[in-house]
Amino acid sequence: MTAQDALRRRLLSAADSLAPPAPVPTDLEALDRLGRRGATDVTIAVATSDDFDGAFFTLSSLCLYHPEVTERAEILLLDNHPTGPEAGRLRGMVEGLPNGGYLPVRSVRSTAVRDLLVRRAAGAVVVVLDSHVLVAPGGLAAAVAHLRDPACGDIVHGPLLNDAGRRVVGTHMDPVWRGGMFGTWGVDDRIHEAGAGAFEIPLHGLGAFAVRRDRWPGLNPHFVGFGGEEGYLQEKARRHGGRSVCLPEFRWIHRFGHPRGVKFDLSWEARVRNYVIGWTELGLDVESIRTHFVDAVGGEIGAYFDQVRADVCHPLWRYDGIVVLNDDAAPGRWRQASRVPASVSVAPRRLPLPTLPRGRDGARYAVAAGARYARYWGWREFAVVGDRALAGCADADALAALLDQAVGVEAVGVEAAGVVDAGPDPFAVCVVVRDAGRTGALPGVVGPTEAHRNGAAATRRPDSLDPADGRPTGGRPRPLPEAPRWQRLA
């Protein structure tokens, strides 16, 4: 029996003989457990949501056809619906591998959870795959070899093949709107040249790509649902000294069909929201987003676009995220509390807390837990708010005012945030952690402006970037240092 056969047998038996599933850990518990492993050269990271069949064949193909990589790589599976019916089998399958890890994430459902996969990977090189992607033999090794140089800031893509694996149907995406997506598949003639090396491309899908973890440009922490990453991520990498390249050997097949129906958010609203957020971050003209979606969907989506565009000027958008501490015994308080930031398109993250120590010790523990959760996601400026504190806010403006008056922690680690005297009630705490550090990511998320602080943001457009940190400046848009590279590479 070959090593590949042995790995496949272990994977099958683990999935089939799984014991009744244990209680699903919270995101924080799962991330804490994941942090207790050593570094490695390569991580193969797979994101899935209610797709056991796809994940099974992706993981099996990795073991069967890429032993030169998988025998020394970490294999990390992120399950974005860990309370679903397939979660137990998914966990058993990946933990049946000698180097497999399972990361359940339920506080946010989005294709942008890929950001967490890269941040929490143990490998210096991270290959990220959808759970319904097969990579041709030799493809993984080629992508890893391209990124061996620690100075390489490239995002490595590869040619998409047809279902038979015999014909290239996409080497890149052209920067064109169609069907609610920015990017249409195209084929560059260089792919047919004998001995062609990696060549630069304007944009690409994210079904399969590879990066160096310490050169990851990051995805905006406010993304939710599906869409908005194509073009945005490649442009962000270029602005930080990297390239977006197509590597001919990194060939892959993607299952696009969903005969049982799509089980994740494909709403027009989620796409519009993500495009507005991402393009605002980059200082790009967002009017083409409105034009396309109004043409594709109808005038009603235009009103939603206008709402989101106004929302990103609200003072709450100064924060990378808001962590809401919620008593598991009082889920109703979470539902009430989440409506306040959601009214300006900010999606808070629920952090359920178990039984806590009494009094101030419990409050300090709660603040430390919220800060640790935010740090795992790479947030630099964030708020940790108890559900009782949030329930007292009538609207988003009241919450922004509350955070302005909150206990502030300046440029310190999680441990220091945890010793803040936040009061005796863990669910009434309100702490803002500023510039607490990002886990290896580069700056460039939508963040604070002076206009936010003086209350004038509602009349300003955050369409230009502060050259110091890539954050919106507010006021009249300034010309960008250069046009998006996708315009010159197309």
Protein backbone atom coordinates (compact mmCIF):
# COMPACT_ATOMS: atom_id res chain seq x y z
CA MET A 1 0.00 0.00 0.00
CA THR A 2 1.39 3.40 -0.98
CA ALA A 3 1.55 6.37 1.38
CA GLN A 4 -1.18 8.07 -0.63
CA ASP A 5 -3.47 5.04 -0.30
CA ALA A 6 -2.88 4.93 3.45
CA LEU A 7 -3.76 8.60 3.82
CA ARG A 8 -6.90 8.18 1.75
CA ARG A 9 -7.99 5.16 3.80
CA ARG A 10 -7.49 7.09 7.02
CA LEU A 11 -9.53 9.96 5.65
CA LEU A 12 -12.38 7.68 4.61
CA SER A 13 -12.46 5.73 7.86
CA ALA A 14 -12.35 8.90 9.95
CA ALA A 15 -15.34 10.34 8.11
CA ASP A 16 -17.36 7.12 8.25
CA SER A 17 -16.72 6.05 11.84
CA LEU A 18 -17.04 9.44 13.47
CA ALA A 19 -18.47 9.38 16.98
CA PRO A 20 -21.40 11.65 17.84
CA PRO A 21 -20.14 15.22 17.43
CA ALA A 22 -18.87 17.11 20.43
CA PRO A 23 -20.35 20.51 21.22
CA VAL A 24 -19.25 23.10 18.67
CA PRO A 25 -16.64 25.38 20.25
CA THR A 26 -17.00 29.13 20.03
CA ASP A 27 -14.82 30.89 17.48
CA LEU A 28 -12.53 32.06 20.26
CA GLU A 29 -12.11 28.57 21.70
CA ALA A 30 -11.38 27.20 18.23
CA LEU A 31 -8.81 29.90 17.50
CA ASP A 32 -7.15 29.41 20.88
CA ARG A 33 -6.75 25.68 20.19
CA LEU A 34 -5.41 26.35 16.72
CA GLY A 35 -2.75 28.63 18.13
CA ARG A 36 -1.04 25.75 19.94
CA ARG A 37 0.87 24.33 16.99
CA GLY A 38 4.29 24.87 15.54
CA ALA A 39 5.26 26.69 12.36
CA THR A 40 5.71 24.83 9.09
CA ASP A 41 6.77 25.64 5.54
CA VAL A 42 3.41 25.24 3.80
CA THR A 43 -0.27 25.37 4.71
CA ILE A 44 -2.98 24.19 2.34
CA ALA A 45 -6.06 26.04 3.52
CA VAL A 46 -9.56 25.05 2.40
CA ALA A 47 -12.74 26.99 3.18
CA THR A 48 -16.10 25.22 3.09
CA SER A 49 -19.73 25.74 4.03
CA ASP A 50 -22.24 22.86 3.83
CA ASP A 51 -20.15 21.14 1.15
CA PHE A 52 -18.98 17.78 2.48
CA ASP A 53 -18.84 16.19 -0.98
CA GLY A 54 -16.73 18.99 -2.40
CA ALA A 55 -14.40 19.06 0.60
CA PHE A 56 -14.01 15.27 0.52
CA PHE A 57 -12.81 15.20 -3.07
CA THR A 58 -10.61 18.26 -2.64
CA LEU A 59 -8.85 16.77 0.40
CA SER A 60 -8.63 13.32 -1.19
CA SER A 61 -7.09 14.74 -4.33
CA LEU A 62 -4.51 16.62 -2.28
CA CYS A 63 -3.39 13.38 -0.62
CA LEU A 64 -3.47 11.30 -3.82
CA TYR A 65 -1.90 13.66 -6.33
CA HIS A 66 0.34 15.99 -4.30
CA PRO A 67 2.21 13.83 -1.77
CA GLU A 68 5.42 15.81 -2.35
CA VAL A 69 3.66 18.78 -0.72
CA THR A 70 1.01 17.30 1.58
CA GLU A 71 3.37 14.97 3.45
CA ARG A 72 5.10 18.01 4.96
CA ALA A 73 2.31 20.59 4.87
CA GLU A 74 -0.40 21.59 7.31
CA ILE A 75 -3.91 21.01 5.91
CA LEU A 76 -6.34 23.46 7.47
CA LEU A 77 -10.10 23.22 6.88
CA LEU A 78 -12.27 26.20 7.83
CA ASP A 79 -15.90 25.21 8.32
CA ASN A 80 -18.13 28.27 7.96
CA HIS A 81 -21.25 26.42 9.12
CA PRO A 82 -20.01 24.33 12.05
CA THR A 83 -23.51 23.84 13.46
CA GLY A 84 -24.78 22.36 10.19
CA PRO A 85 -25.53 18.69 9.50
CA GLU A 86 -22.24 18.07 7.67
CA ALA A 87 -19.94 19.61 10.27
CA GLY A 88 -19.22 16.43 12.22
CA ARG A 89 -18.17 14.53 9.12
CA LEU A 90 -16.03 17.43 7.93
CA ARG A 91 -14.22 17.60 11.25
CA GLY A 92 -13.64 13.86 11.41
CA MET A 93 -12.37 13.81 7.85
CA VAL A 94 -9.69 16.46 8.23
CA GLU A 95 -8.66 15.44 11.74
CA GLY A 96 -8.12 11.94 10.36
CA LEU A 97 -5.11 13.33 8.52
CA PRO A 98 -1.82 13.34 10.45
CA ASN A 99 -1.31 17.04 9.69
CA GLY A 100 -4.94 18.15 9.49
CA GLY A 101 -6.60 20.94 11.46
CA TYR A 102 -10.26 21.94 11.79
CA LEU A 103 -11.28 25.57 12.31
CA PRO A 104 -15.01 26.16 12.93
CA VAL A 105 -16.12 29.77 12.37
CA ARG A 106 -19.71 30.81 12.99
CA SER A 107 -19.55 34.48 14.05
CA VAL A 108 -19.57 35.59 10.40
CA ARG A 109 -20.54 33.79 7.19
CA SER A 110 -18.70 35.08 4.15
CA THR A 111 -16.31 34.06 1.41
CA ALA A 112 -14.01 36.63 3.04
CA VAL A 113 -13.24 34.15 5.86
CA ARG A 114 -10.31 33.30 3.59
CA ASP A 115 -8.64 36.23 5.34
CA LEU A 116 -8.69 34.33 8.64
CA LEU A 117 -7.39 31.19 6.91
CA VAL A 118 -4.26 33.02 5.79
CA ARG A 119 -3.73 34.85 9.08
CA ARG A 120 -4.03 31.72 11.23
CA ALA A 121 -2.09 29.37 8.94
CA ALA A 122 1.09 27.91 10.38
CA GLY A 123 2.87 27.84 7.02
CA ALA A 124 5.09 30.56 5.60
CA VAL A 125 3.47 29.83 2.21
CA VAL A 126 -0.31 29.45 2.14
CA VAL A 127 -2.26 27.84 -0.70
CA VAL A 128 -5.96 28.69 -0.42
CA LEU A 129 -8.57 26.54 -2.17
CA ASP A 130 -12.33 26.45 -2.37
CA SER A 131 -13.79 23.18 -1.12
CA HIS A 132 -14.75 22.12 -4.66
CA VAL A 133 -11.42 22.62 -6.44
CA LEU A 134 -9.05 19.99 -7.84
CA VAL A 135 -5.44 20.95 -8.60
CA ALA A 136 -3.55 19.17 -11.39
CA PRO A 137 -0.51 17.11 -10.36
CA GLY A 138 2.55 19.30 -9.93
CA GLY A 139 0.47 22.45 -9.51
CA LEU A 140 0.86 22.82 -5.76
CA ALA A 141 4.61 22.23 -5.87
CA ALA A 142 4.97 24.86 -8.61
CA ALA A 143 3.01 27.47 -6.63
CA VAL A 144 5.04 26.79 -3.48
CA ALA A 145 8.33 27.00 -5.40
CA HIS A 146 7.34 30.36 -6.89
CA LEU A 147 6.87 31.78 -3.38
CA ARG A 148 10.04 30.40 -1.79
CA ASP A 149 11.71 33.83 -1.82
CA PRO A 150 10.70 35.61 1.43
CA ALA A 151 10.66 38.91 -0.47
CA CYS A 152 8.04 37.69 -2.97
CA GLY A 153 4.79 39.61 -2.56
CA ASP A 154 2.98 37.98 -5.47
CA ILE A 155 -0.52 36.54 -5.38
CA VAL A 156 -0.15 33.39 -7.46
CA HIS A 157 -3.10 32.21 -9.56
CA GLY A 158 -3.24 29.53 -12.21
CA PRO A 159 -5.16 28.66 -15.37
CA LEU A 160 -8.71 27.42 -14.87
CA LEU A 161 -9.41 24.24 -16.85
CA ASN A 162 -12.68 22.91 -18.22
CA ASP A 163 -14.35 20.04 -16.36
CA ALA A 164 -12.45 17.48 -18.43
CA GLY A 165 -9.15 19.11 -17.50
CA ARG A 166 -8.06 19.31 -21.13
CA ARG A 167 -8.59 22.94 -22.10
CA VAL A 168 -7.73 26.26 -20.50
CA VAL A 169 -10.86 28.38 -20.13
CA GLY A 170 -9.39 31.20 -18.04
CA THR A 171 -5.96 32.56 -17.24
CA HIS A 172 -7.27 35.80 -15.76
CA MET A 173 -10.29 38.04 -15.52
CA ASP A 174 -10.74 41.15 -17.60
CA PRO A 175 -11.90 44.26 -15.68
CA VAL A 176 -15.44 44.24 -17.06
CA TRP A 177 -18.78 44.19 -15.24
CA ARG A 178 -21.15 41.34 -16.06
CA GLY A 179 -23.96 39.63 -14.18
CA GLY A 180 -23.32 41.29 -10.83
CA MET A 181 -19.60 40.50 -10.88
CA PHE A 182 -16.55 42.61 -11.66
CA GLY A 183 -14.42 40.42 -13.90
CA THR A 184 -15.03 38.20 -16.91
CA TRP A 185 -12.87 35.21 -17.77
CA GLY A 186 -10.29 35.60 -20.52
CA VAL A 187 -7.42 33.54 -21.94
CA ASP A 188 -3.99 35.09 -22.45
CA ASP A 189 -2.12 33.68 -25.45
CA ARG A 190 1.06 33.39 -23.38
CA ILE A 191 -0.41 30.33 -21.70
CA HIS A 192 0.15 28.38 -24.94
CA GLU A 193 3.84 29.31 -25.27
CA ALA A 194 6.25 26.49 -24.54
CA GLY A 195 8.16 27.09 -21.33
CA ALA A 196 6.15 30.18 -20.43
CA GLY A 197 6.82 31.36 -16.90
CA ALA A 198 4.53 33.30 -14.61
CA PHE A 199 3.05 36.39 -16.26
CA GLU A 200 1.27 39.35 -14.75
CA ILE A 201 -2.52 39.55 -14.99
CA PRO A 202 -5.08 42.22 -14.06
CA LEU A 203 -7.38 40.20 -11.81
CA HIS A 204 -8.54 36.66 -11.13
CA GLY A 205 -11.04 34.63 -9.14
CA LEU A 206 -10.14 33.35 -5.70
CA GLY A 207 -11.04 29.68 -6.11
CA ALA A 208 -7.34 28.81 -5.95
CA PHE A 209 -4.44 31.09 -5.09
CA ALA A 210 -1.21 31.14 -3.09
CA VAL A 211 0.60 33.82 -1.09
CA ARG A 212 3.29 34.26 1.49
CA ARG A 213 1.57 34.72 4.82
CA ASP A 214 3.70 37.68 5.88
CA ARG A 215 2.98 39.48 2.58
CA TRP A 216 -0.79 38.94 2.68
CA PRO A 217 -2.50 42.28 1.92
CA GLY A 218 -5.68 41.27 3.75
CA LEU A 219 -9.39 41.45 3.04
CA ASN A 220 -11.51 44.22 4.47
CA PRO A 221 -12.89 43.05 7.84
CA HIS A 222 -16.33 44.50 7.02
CA PHE A 223 -16.97 42.16 4.08
CA VAL A 224 -19.91 39.79 4.57
CA GLY A 225 -21.61 37.30 2.28
CA PHE A 226 -20.33 36.72 -1.24
CA GLY A 227 -18.49 38.94 -3.67
CA GLY A 228 -16.25 41.97 -3.86
CA GLU A 229 -12.81 40.34 -3.65
CA GLU A 230 -11.93 39.93 -7.35
CA GLY A 231 -9.86 42.86 -8.54
CA TYR A 232 -9.84 44.39 -5.06
CA LEU A 233 -7.34 41.90 -3.64
CA GLN A 234 -5.00 41.96 -6.65
CA GLU A 235 -4.95 45.77 -6.71
CA LYS A 236 -4.24 45.87 -3.00
CA ALA A 237 -1.29 43.49 -3.43
CA ARG A 238 0.14 45.65 -6.22
CA ARG A 239 -0.06 48.75 -4.05
CA HIS A 240 2.10 46.96 -1.49
CA GLY A 241 4.82 46.01 -3.95
CA GLY A 242 3.53 42.64 -5.17
CA ARG A 243 2.04 41.36 -8.40
CA SER A 244 -0.91 39.27 -9.49
CA VAL A 245 0.46 36.49 -11.69
CA CYS A 246 -0.77 33.46 -13.59
CA LEU A 247 1.54 30.47 -13.15
CA PRO A 248 0.98 28.02 -16.03
CA GLU A 249 1.75 24.91 -13.94
CA PHE A 250 -0.78 25.81 -11.24
CA ARG A 251 -3.75 24.34 -13.17
CA TRP A 252 -7.07 23.70 -11.47
CA ILE A 253 -10.69 22.68 -11.97
CA HIS A 254 -13.60 24.35 -10.19
CA ARG A 255 -17.05 22.86 -9.66
CA PHE A 256 -19.42 25.71 -10.45
CA GLY A 257 -22.68 23.74 -10.36
CA HIS A 258 -24.84 23.45 -7.24
CA PRO A 259 -27.60 20.97 -8.15
CA ARG A 260 -28.85 20.89 -4.55
CA GLY A 261 -29.04 24.66 -4.37
CA VAL A 262 -26.73 27.35 -3.05
CA LYS A 263 -26.56 27.43 0.75
CA PHE A 264 -24.66 30.68 1.21
CA ASP A 265 -25.55 34.34 0.75
CA LEU A 266 -25.58 35.27 -2.95
CA SER A 267 -27.79 38.31 -2.48
CA TRP A 268 -27.37 41.38 -4.65
CA GLU A 269 -27.21 43.48 -1.49
CA ALA A 270 -24.18 41.61 -0.12
CA ARG A 271 -22.35 42.09 -3.41
CA VAL A 272 -23.14 45.79 -3.61
CA ARG A 273 -22.11 46.30 0.00
CA ASN A 274 -18.76 44.54 -0.44
CA TYR A 275 -17.92 46.33 -3.67
CA VAL A 276 -18.68 49.72 -2.14
CA ILE A 277 -16.56 48.92 0.93
CA GLY A 278 -13.62 47.53 -1.03
CA TRP A 279 -13.54 50.19 -3.70
CA THR A 280 -13.93 52.96 -1.12
CA GLU A 281 -10.95 51.51 0.74
CA LEU A 282 -8.88 51.70 -2.44
CA GLY A 283 -10.11 55.17 -3.33
CA LEU A 284 -11.71 54.03 -6.59
CA ASP A 285 -14.71 55.60 -8.27
CA VAL A 286 -17.74 53.67 -7.02
CA GLU A 287 -20.23 55.10 -9.50
CA SER A 288 -19.62 52.23 -11.93
CA ILE A 289 -20.88 49.87 -9.20
CA ARG A 290 -24.17 51.74 -9.02
CA THR A 291 -24.52 51.94 -12.78
CA HIS A 292 -23.94 48.22 -13.29
CA PHE A 293 -26.25 46.97 -10.55
CA VAL A 294 -29.06 49.34 -11.47
CA ASP A 295 -28.80 48.06 -15.06
CA ALA A 296 -28.61 44.41 -13.94
CA VAL A 297 -31.17 44.39 -11.13
CA GLY A 298 -33.26 47.55 -11.32
CA GLY A 299 -33.60 50.93 -9.71
CA GLU A 300 -34.34 49.61 -6.21
CA ILE A 301 -30.76 48.43 -5.77
CA GLY A 302 -29.64 51.99 -6.46
CA ALA A 303 -31.29 53.13 -3.23
CA TYR A 304 -29.43 50.43 -1.31
CA PHE A 305 -26.15 51.53 -2.94
CA ASP A 306 -26.79 55.11 -1.83
CA GLN A 307 -27.48 53.91 1.71
CA VAL A 308 -24.24 51.91 1.95
CA ARG A 309 -22.22 54.74 0.44
CA ALA A 310 -23.57 57.09 3.10
CA ASP A 311 -23.14 54.48 5.85
CA VAL A 312 -19.37 54.12 5.32
CA CYS A 313 -19.05 57.76 6.40
CA HIS A 314 -20.59 57.03 9.81
CA PRO A 315 -18.25 57.30 12.82
CA LEU A 316 -18.68 53.58 13.60
CA TRP A 317 -16.68 52.83 10.46
CA ARG A 318 -13.54 54.08 12.17
CA TYR A 319 -13.33 50.65 13.80
CA ASP A 320 -12.11 47.49 12.11
CA GLY A 321 -14.82 45.67 14.03
CA ILE A 322 -17.13 45.63 17.04
CA VAL A 323 -17.15 42.57 19.32
CA VAL A 324 -20.39 42.15 21.26
CA LEU A 325 -20.11 40.09 24.44
CA ASN A 326 -23.33 38.13 24.79
CA ASP A 327 -24.62 36.04 27.68
CA ASP A 328 -25.51 32.64 26.22
CA ALA A 329 -28.54 32.60 28.51
CA ALA A 330 -29.87 35.83 26.97
CA PRO A 331 -29.83 35.50 23.16
CA GLY A 332 -32.58 38.08 22.90
CA ARG A 333 -30.16 40.78 24.05
CA TRP A 334 -27.89 39.93 21.10
CA ARG A 335 -30.72 40.28 18.61
CA GLN A 336 -31.60 43.66 20.03
CA ALA A 337 -27.99 44.84 20.30
CA SER A 338 -26.98 43.80 16.78
CA ARG A 339 -29.63 45.99 15.19
CA VAL A 340 -27.91 49.20 16.30
CA PRO A 341 -24.61 48.93 14.34
CA ALA A 342 -26.42 47.07 11.54
CA SER A 343 -28.50 50.20 10.95
CA VAL A 344 -25.39 51.78 9.37
CA SER A 345 -24.26 48.57 7.62
CA VAL A 346 -21.73 47.60 10.30
CA ALA A 347 -21.91 43.86 11.02
CA PRO A 348 -20.96 43.24 14.69
CA ARG A 349 -19.43 39.95 15.82
CA ARG A 350 -21.13 38.00 18.58
CA LEU A 351 -18.81 36.47 21.17
CA PRO A 352 -20.84 34.15 23.44
CA LEU A 353 -19.37 33.80 26.89
CA PRO A 354 -19.80 30.88 29.31
CA THR A 355 -20.12 31.18 33.07
CA LEU A 356 -17.78 33.96 34.17
CA PRO A 357 -16.08 34.81 37.46
CA ARG A 358 -18.10 37.17 39.57
CA GLY A 359 -17.56 40.92 39.67
CA ARG A 360 -14.60 42.75 38.23
CA ASP A 361 -12.62 39.57 37.53
CA GLY A 362 -15.39 38.46 35.18
CA ALA A 363 -15.43 41.82 33.43
CA ARG A 364 -11.66 41.78 32.95
CA TYR A 365 -11.84 38.24 31.60
CA ALA A 366 -14.59 39.28 29.17
CA VAL A 367 -12.58 42.24 27.86
CA ALA A 368 -9.50 40.06 27.39
CA ALA A 369 -11.55 37.45 25.51
CA GLY A 370 -13.04 40.06 23.19
CA ALA A 371 -9.65 41.65 22.53
CA ARG A 372 -8.06 38.27 21.86
CA TYR A 373 -10.82 37.43 19.36
CA ALA A 374 -10.24 40.71 17.52
CA ARG A 375 -6.49 40.18 17.43
CA TYR A 376 -6.94 36.76 15.83
CA TRP A 377 -8.79 38.51 12.99
CA GLY A 378 -5.97 41.04 12.67
CA TRP A 379 -8.01 44.06 13.76
CA ARG A 380 -6.02 47.14 14.67
CA GLU A 381 -8.68 49.39 16.15
CA PHE A 382 -11.79 47.81 17.60
CA ALA A 383 -14.43 47.98 20.31
CA VAL A 384 -15.44 45.36 22.88
CA VAL A 385 -18.97 46.05 24.10
CA GLY A 386 -21.27 44.11 26.38
CA ASP A 387 -24.80 43.41 25.18
CA ARG A 388 -26.29 45.34 28.12
CA ALA A 389 -24.23 48.41 27.23
CA LEU A 390 -25.36 48.17 23.62
CA ALA A 391 -28.99 47.69 24.57
CA GLY A 392 -28.95 51.14 26.11
CA CYS A 393 -28.11 52.79 22.77
CA ALA A 394 -31.12 54.04 20.87
CA ASP A 395 -29.30 54.25 17.54
CA ALA A 396 -25.89 54.14 15.84
CA ASP A 397 -25.12 57.75 16.75
CA ALA A 398 -25.68 56.93 20.43
CA LEU A 399 -23.34 53.92 20.12
CA ALA A 400 -20.66 56.07 18.47
CA ALA A 401 -20.96 58.57 21.31
CA LEU A 402 -20.71 55.75 23.86
CA LEU A 403 -17.52 54.46 22.24
CA ASP A 404 -16.03 57.96 22.16
CA GLN A 405 -16.41 58.02 25.95
CA ALA A 406 -15.32 54.41 26.48
CA VAL A 407 -12.29 53.18 28.35
CA GLY A 408 -9.43 53.47 25.87
CA VAL A 409 -6.39 51.22 25.57
CA GLU A 410 -3.64 52.69 23.43
CA ALA A 411 -1.23 50.47 21.50
CA VAL A 412 -1.04 47.61 23.98
CA GLY A 413 -1.33 43.87 23.78
CA VAL A 414 -4.26 41.69 24.68
CA GLU A 415 -2.91 41.05 28.17
CA ALA A 416 -2.91 44.75 29.00
CA ALA A 417 -6.40 45.14 27.59
CA GLY A 418 -7.51 42.39 29.93
CA VAL A 419 -6.48 44.24 33.09
CA VAL A 420 -8.50 47.35 32.32
CA ASP A 421 -10.89 48.18 35.16
CA ALA A 422 -14.04 47.83 33.09
CA GLY A 423 -16.54 47.68 35.94
CA PRO A 424 -18.24 44.79 37.75
CA ASP A 425 -20.65 43.65 35.01
CA PRO A 426 -19.01 41.77 32.09
CA PHE A 427 -22.03 42.46 29.87
CA ALA A 428 -21.97 46.19 30.54
CA VAL A 429 -18.33 46.76 29.57
CA CYS A 430 -17.34 49.20 26.85
CA VAL A 431 -13.65 49.26 25.90
CA VAL A 432 -11.95 50.58 22.77
CA VAL A 433 -8.56 49.11 21.83
CA ARG A 434 -6.60 51.37 19.51
CA ASP A 435 -3.71 50.38 17.29
CA ALA A 436 -3.33 47.06 19.09
CA GLY A 437 -1.37 45.58 16.19
CA ARG A 438 -2.32 43.41 13.26
CA THR A 439 -1.19 39.80 12.92
CA GLY A 440 1.19 40.31 10.04
CA ALA A 441 -1.22 42.13 7.74
CA LEU A 442 -0.51 45.33 5.88
CA PRO A 443 -2.57 48.47 6.56
CA GLY A 444 -5.43 49.47 4.33
CA VAL A 445 -8.79 48.82 5.94
CA VAL A 446 -11.48 51.43 6.10
CA GLY A 447 -10.66 53.36 9.23
CA PRO A 448 -10.81 56.63 11.16
CA THR A 449 -10.93 60.12 9.73
CA GLU A 450 -10.86 63.50 11.39
CA ALA A 451 -14.29 64.09 9.91
CA HIS A 452 -15.59 61.12 11.89
CA ARG A 453 -14.26 62.58 15.09
CA ASN A 454 -15.84 66.00 14.63
CA GLY A 455 -19.20 64.70 13.47
CA ALA A 456 -19.00 66.08 9.94
CA ALA A 457 -18.59 62.75 8.18
CA ALA A 458 -22.12 62.60 6.84
CA THR A 459 -21.37 65.35 4.33
CA ARG A 460 -18.07 63.93 3.11
CA ARG A 461 -17.09 61.23 0.66
CA PRO A 462 -14.30 58.83 1.75
CA ASP A 463 -13.07 58.32 -1.79
CA SER A 464 -9.38 59.14 -1.34
CA LEU A 465 -6.67 57.46 0.69
CA ASP A 466 -4.31 58.81 3.29
CA PRO A 467 -0.86 57.99 1.85
CA ALA A 468 0.45 57.21 5.31
CA ASP A 469 -1.77 54.24 6.06
CA GLY A 470 -4.16 53.68 3.17
CA ARG A 471 -7.23 54.84 5.07
CA PRO A 472 -9.93 57.14 3.70
CA THR A 473 -9.23 60.83 4.30
CA GLY A 474 -12.73 62.22 3.77
CA GLY A 475 -13.37 65.48 1.98
CA ARG A 476 -12.90 65.96 -1.76
CA PRO A 477 -11.23 63.02 -3.52
CA ARG A 478 -7.58 63.52 -4.39
CA PRO A 479 -6.12 62.03 -7.57
CA LEU A 480 -4.65 58.59 -6.93
CA PRO A 481 -0.90 58.17 -7.44
CA GLU A 482 -1.75 55.92 -10.38
CA ALA A 483 -4.78 54.40 -12.03
CA PRO A 484 -5.68 50.84 -11.04
CA ARG A 485 -3.12 48.54 -12.58
CA TRP A 486 -5.92 46.34 -13.92
CA GLN A 487 -6.63 49.10 -16.46
CA ARG A 488 -3.09 48.85 -17.84
CA LEU A 489 -2.80 45.06 -17.65
CA ALA A 490 -6.10 44.27 -19.36
